[in-house]
N, C-alpha and C. Protein backbone atom coordinates (compact mmCIF):
# COMPACT_ATOMS: atom_id res chain seq x y z
N MET A 1 114.76 104.75 150.96
CA MET A 1 115.64 105.26 152.13
C MET A 1 115.59 103.63 152.50
N GLY A 2 116.14 102.83 152.73
CA GLY A 2 115.36 101.53 153.66
C GLY A 2 115.35 100.69 152.64
N HIS A 3 114.84 99.35 153.14
CA HIS A 3 114.33 98.00 152.42
C HIS A 3 113.18 97.45 152.79
N TYR A 4 112.20 96.80 152.28
CA TYR A 4 111.19 96.25 152.33
C TYR A 4 111.23 95.03 153.23
N ARG A 5 110.49 95.03 153.56
CA ARG A 5 109.72 93.68 155.23
C ARG A 5 108.24 93.71 154.83
N LEU A 6 107.83 92.44 154.80
CA LEU A 6 106.33 92.36 154.66
C LEU A 6 105.90 92.14 156.31
N ASP A 7 104.59 92.70 156.38
CA ASP A 7 104.13 92.89 157.51
C ASP A 7 103.32 91.39 157.71
N GLY A 8 102.48 91.80 158.74
CA GLY A 8 101.87 90.56 159.21
C GLY A 8 100.59 89.91 157.93
N ASN A 9 100.42 90.82 157.52
CA ASN A 9 99.25 90.68 156.33
C ASN A 9 99.56 90.68 154.78
N ASP A 10 101.54 90.62 154.85
CA ASP A 10 101.54 90.36 153.87
C ASP A 10 101.73 91.62 152.92
N LYS A 11 102.07 92.48 153.84
CA LYS A 11 102.30 93.98 152.62
C LYS A 11 103.36 94.23 152.91
N PRO A 12 104.37 94.99 151.61
CA PRO A 12 105.47 95.53 152.09
C PRO A 12 105.25 97.08 152.78
N MET A 13 106.75 97.20 153.80
CA MET A 13 106.47 98.50 154.56
C MET A 13 108.19 98.53 154.25
N ARG A 14 108.39 99.61 154.55
CA ARG A 14 109.94 100.25 154.44
C ARG A 14 110.25 100.26 155.96
N VAL A 15 111.60 99.65 156.08
CA VAL A 15 112.45 99.74 157.50
C VAL A 15 113.36 99.98 157.38
N GLY A 16 114.13 100.61 158.53
CA GLY A 16 115.43 100.61 158.19
C GLY A 16 116.09 101.92 157.68
N GLY A 17 117.24 101.77 156.51
CA GLY A 17 117.63 102.89 156.51
C GLY A 17 118.48 103.95 156.91
N VAL A 18 119.32 104.66 155.76
CA VAL A 18 120.08 106.08 156.51
C VAL A 18 118.99 107.20 157.17
N LYS A 19 119.13 107.14 158.56
CA LYS A 19 118.88 108.57 159.14
C LYS A 19 119.48 109.82 159.42
N TYR A 20 120.46 109.48 159.26
CA TYR A 20 121.59 110.68 159.33
C TYR A 20 122.79 110.13 158.86
N THR A 21 123.49 111.48 158.30
CA THR A 21 124.95 110.75 157.41
C THR A 21 125.70 112.22 157.98
N ILE A 22 127.13 112.31 157.97
CA ILE A 22 128.22 113.17 158.36
C ILE A 22 129.28 113.53 157.56
N LYS A 23 129.08 114.64 157.06
CA LYS A 23 130.38 115.29 155.95
C LYS A 23 130.77 116.46 156.73
N VAL A 24 132.65 116.26 156.82
CA VAL A 24 133.09 117.48 157.85
C VAL A 24 132.62 117.75 159.06
N GLY A 25 131.96 116.80 159.88
CA GLY A 25 131.96 117.05 161.03
C GLY A 25 130.35 117.65 161.18
N ILE A 26 129.42 117.90 160.16
CA ILE A 26 128.11 118.20 160.06
C ILE A 26 127.30 117.14 159.94
N VAL A 27 126.29 117.03 160.58
CA VAL A 27 125.48 115.78 161.03
C VAL A 27 124.08 116.35 159.73
N TYR A 28 123.63 115.80 159.41
CA TYR A 28 122.60 115.94 158.12
C TYR A 28 121.52 114.63 158.09
N GLY A 29 120.24 115.42 158.28
CA GLY A 29 119.30 114.55 158.30
C GLY A 29 119.01 113.75 157.24
N ALA A 30 119.05 112.45 157.05
CA ALA A 30 118.43 112.20 155.41
C ALA A 30 117.68 112.34 154.97
N ALA A 31 116.21 112.80 155.54
CA ALA A 31 115.40 112.86 154.71
C ALA A 31 115.11 114.28 154.14
N GLN A 32 115.63 115.19 155.12
CA GLN A 32 115.82 116.35 154.30
C GLN A 32 116.52 116.97 153.66
N LEU A 33 117.71 116.23 153.56
CA LEU A 33 118.92 116.31 152.50
C LEU A 33 118.01 115.81 151.13
N LEU A 34 117.20 114.62 151.19
CA LEU A 34 117.20 114.53 149.99
C LEU A 34 115.64 115.03 149.70
N LYS A 35 115.10 116.06 150.49
CA LYS A 35 114.21 117.01 149.95
C LYS A 35 115.17 118.02 149.08
N ASP A 36 116.31 118.45 149.79
CA ASP A 36 116.93 119.40 149.32
C ASP A 36 117.15 119.19 147.92
N VAL A 37 117.84 117.62 147.62
CA VAL A 37 118.50 117.08 146.78
C VAL A 37 117.21 117.50 145.48
N ARG A 38 116.23 116.63 145.86
CA ARG A 38 115.55 116.35 145.02
C ARG A 38 114.72 118.25 144.49
N ALA A 39 114.65 119.23 145.38
CA ALA A 39 114.65 120.71 144.95
C ALA A 39 115.41 121.22 144.07
N MET A 40 116.45 120.92 144.47
CA MET A 40 117.97 121.43 143.47
C MET A 40 118.07 120.99 142.40
N VAL A 41 117.71 119.76 142.18
CA VAL A 41 117.52 119.25 140.74
C VAL A 41 116.32 119.65 139.57
N ALA A 42 115.01 119.95 140.76
CA ALA A 42 114.04 120.23 139.91
C ALA A 42 114.33 121.63 139.48
N GLU A 43 114.79 122.73 140.13
CA GLU A 43 115.37 123.85 140.25
C GLU A 43 116.26 123.69 138.42
N ALA A 44 117.15 123.28 138.65
CA ALA A 44 118.23 123.13 137.37
C ALA A 44 117.53 122.33 136.31
N LYS A 45 116.62 121.37 136.07
CA LYS A 45 115.80 121.20 135.46
C LYS A 45 114.59 122.27 135.16
N GLY A 46 114.53 123.29 135.20
CA GLY A 46 113.89 124.19 135.04
C GLY A 46 112.38 124.07 135.71
N GLY A 47 112.63 123.80 136.84
CA GLY A 47 111.41 123.44 137.71
C GLY A 47 110.34 122.66 137.40
N ARG A 48 110.74 121.62 136.67
CA ARG A 48 109.80 120.74 136.56
C ARG A 48 109.70 119.50 137.90
N PRO A 49 108.64 119.27 138.30
CA PRO A 49 109.03 118.48 140.03
C PRO A 49 109.31 117.49 139.33
N LEU A 50 109.97 116.41 140.50
CA LEU A 50 110.13 114.89 140.25
C LEU A 50 109.48 114.24 141.27
N SER A 51 109.15 112.94 140.80
CA SER A 51 108.33 112.08 141.56
C SER A 51 109.51 111.80 142.76
N PRO A 52 108.42 111.59 144.07
CA PRO A 52 109.20 111.10 145.54
C PRO A 52 110.02 109.70 145.19
């Protein structure tokens, strides 16, 4: 989530991005939602872990 920007030492750092999303009036934290989706996909694939 977000995009990369170079810091003062020319190292990439992730900035910005989606923090929350809303569906049918319910607010979801994007980071937790992403973790939940990764877990659902891993379960559907037979428990094989996904890389973050």
